[in-house]
Amino acid sequence: MIKSRLIAMITFCSVVIAVSGCSEEEAERLFNRETYSFVGVYDNLYNDDRLEFNNAQVTIIKEQGIDIIKPFEVNDNFLTIQMRNSSKEKRENIVMRIHGNNELLTCSVCAKYQLASTWQKRDFTPSP
């Protein structure tokens, strides 16, 4: 099932690139639309740490002044931050659950990276 879905998506992207002449970056954005549309600043409720999501990259800003930039991917209600710097590393990725209308993120492995387990979207306004 997953293999046939992946083949269909690759074929679709190939056709789109060939027909529209769009760049590789545009094709990447089209293929990973859910990831690229996930944008916002999320605050830790307990200190001044924050997460800034934009262009499939997250900047982890620690209260102590340490900034880390990592790629992320959104799939349904889950957001995965790639923590490994290479395939040889054994570091576990951070997997967060997206709640509601993207207003809250929760994480079970964040403590391993000295991050909070709950993050609230800054300036979130619920839809009517």
Protein backbone atom coordinates (compact mmCIF):
# COMPACT_ATOMS: atom_id res chain seq x y z
CA MET A 1 0.00 0.00 0.00
CA ILE A 2 2.69 2.48 1.03
CA LYS A 3 4.93 1.47 -1.86
CA SER A 4 2.19 1.98 -4.46
CA ARG A 5 1.27 5.33 -2.88
CA LEU A 6 4.90 6.44 -3.01
CA ILE A 7 5.23 5.39 -6.65
CA ALA A 8 2.04 7.29 -7.51
CA MET A 9 3.32 10.43 -5.75
CA ILE A 10 6.71 10.24 -7.49
CA THR A 11 5.00 9.76 -10.85
CA PHE A 12 2.69 12.70 -10.17
CA CYS A 13 5.62 14.93 -9.21
CA SER A 14 7.57 13.89 -12.30
CA VAL A 15 4.62 14.77 -14.52
CA VAL A 16 4.12 18.10 -12.76
CA ILE A 17 7.80 18.98 -13.16
CA ALA A 18 7.82 17.96 -16.82
CA VAL A 19 4.60 19.76 -17.71
CA SER A 20 4.96 22.92 -15.66
CA GLY A 21 8.71 23.29 -15.82
CA CYS A 22 8.77 24.05 -12.11
CA SER A 23 12.03 23.92 -10.23
CA GLU A 24 13.11 21.17 -7.89
CA GLU A 25 12.37 23.45 -4.93
CA GLU A 26 8.83 24.10 -6.18
CA ALA A 27 8.30 20.36 -6.66
CA GLU A 28 9.58 19.73 -3.11
CA ARG A 29 7.10 22.30 -1.74
CA LEU A 30 4.26 20.74 -3.74
CA PHE A 31 5.16 17.21 -2.67
CA ASN A 32 5.53 18.21 1.03
CA ARG A 33 2.79 20.83 1.16
CA GLU A 34 1.66 19.80 4.67
CA THR A 35 5.18 20.32 6.04
CA TYR A 36 5.81 23.66 4.30
CA SER A 37 2.43 25.02 5.41
CA PHE A 38 3.25 24.33 9.08
CA VAL A 39 4.46 27.74 10.26
CA GLY A 40 4.46 29.40 13.65
CA VAL A 41 6.16 30.17 16.93
CA TYR A 42 5.52 27.84 19.87
CA ASP A 43 6.34 28.82 23.44
CA ASN A 44 7.33 26.65 26.35
CA LEU A 45 4.90 27.41 29.18
CA TYR A 46 7.58 27.07 31.88
CA ASN A 47 10.54 29.13 30.62
CA ASP A 48 11.61 31.28 27.65
CA ASP A 49 12.44 28.39 25.29
CA ARG A 50 10.63 28.50 21.96
CA LEU A 51 10.29 26.67 18.66
CA GLU A 52 10.03 28.59 15.39
CA PHE A 53 8.72 26.59 12.41
CA ASN A 54 9.19 27.93 8.87
CA ASN A 55 10.13 26.45 5.46
CA ALA A 56 10.40 22.86 6.75
CA GLN A 57 13.01 23.97 9.32
CA VAL A 58 12.60 24.44 13.05
CA THR A 59 14.79 26.74 15.08
CA ILE A 60 15.00 25.57 18.68
CA ILE A 61 15.78 28.62 20.79
CA LYS A 62 16.88 27.82 24.32
CA GLU A 63 16.59 30.24 27.22
CA GLN A 64 20.38 30.02 27.66
CA GLY A 65 20.90 31.44 24.15
CA ILE A 66 21.59 28.19 22.28
CA ASP A 67 19.93 28.02 18.85
CA ILE A 68 19.64 24.76 16.92
CA ILE A 69 18.22 24.50 13.39
CA LYS A 70 16.83 21.15 12.26
CA PRO A 71 14.62 19.91 9.41
CA PHE A 72 11.14 18.67 10.24
CA GLU A 73 8.31 16.88 8.50
CA VAL A 74 4.55 16.85 9.15
CA ASN A 75 2.52 13.73 8.50
CA ASP A 76 -1.14 13.85 9.56
CA ASN A 77 -1.16 14.87 13.24
CA PHE A 78 2.52 14.17 13.86
CA LEU A 79 5.54 16.39 13.44
CA THR A 80 8.98 14.74 13.29
CA ILE A 81 12.13 16.76 13.93
CA GLN A 82 15.23 15.09 12.53
CA MET A 83 17.86 15.22 15.29
CA ARG A 84 20.55 13.12 13.59
CA ASN A 85 23.24 15.03 11.73
CA SER A 86 24.16 11.95 9.68
CA SER A 87 22.89 8.43 9.08
CA LYS A 88 25.69 7.07 11.31
CA GLU A 89 24.31 8.79 14.42
CA LYS A 90 22.01 6.91 16.75
CA ARG A 91 20.11 9.97 18.09
CA GLU A 92 16.36 9.53 18.34
CA ASN A 93 14.16 11.93 16.36
CA ILE A 94 11.67 14.12 18.21
CA VAL A 95 8.10 13.15 17.37
CA MET A 96 5.44 15.64 18.45
CA ARG A 97 1.67 15.30 18.29
CA ILE A 98 -0.20 18.26 16.77
CA HIS A 99 -3.43 19.05 18.62
CA GLY A 100 -6.55 20.87 17.44
CA ASN A 101 -5.88 23.56 14.86
CA ASN A 102 -2.11 23.44 15.40
CA GLU A 103 -2.47 25.35 18.69
CA LEU A 104 -0.64 22.80 20.86
CA LEU A 105 2.25 20.38 20.46
CA THR A 106 3.01 17.56 22.87
CA CYS A 107 6.07 15.38 22.98
CA SER A 108 7.09 12.27 24.92
CA VAL A 109 10.84 12.30 24.13
CA CYS A 110 11.51 16.04 24.48
CA ALA A 111 12.88 15.64 28.01
CA LYS A 112 15.75 13.65 26.51
CA TYR A 113 16.79 16.88 24.72
CA GLN A 114 16.04 19.09 27.75
CA LEU A 115 12.90 20.48 26.13
CA ALA A 116 9.40 20.79 27.55
CA SER A 117 6.77 18.21 26.69
CA THR A 118 4.07 20.82 25.92
CA TRP A 119 4.30 23.79 23.53
CA GLN A 120 1.62 26.40 22.88
CA LYS A 121 1.32 28.38 19.66
CA ARG A 122 1.95 32.09 20.12
CA ASP A 123 -0.90 34.41 19.14
CA PHE A 124 -3.27 31.53 18.39
CA THR A 125 -6.81 32.61 17.56
CA PRO A 126 -9.36 29.78 17.40
CA SER A 127 -11.54 29.64 14.29
CA PRO A 128 -15.27 30.16 14.80
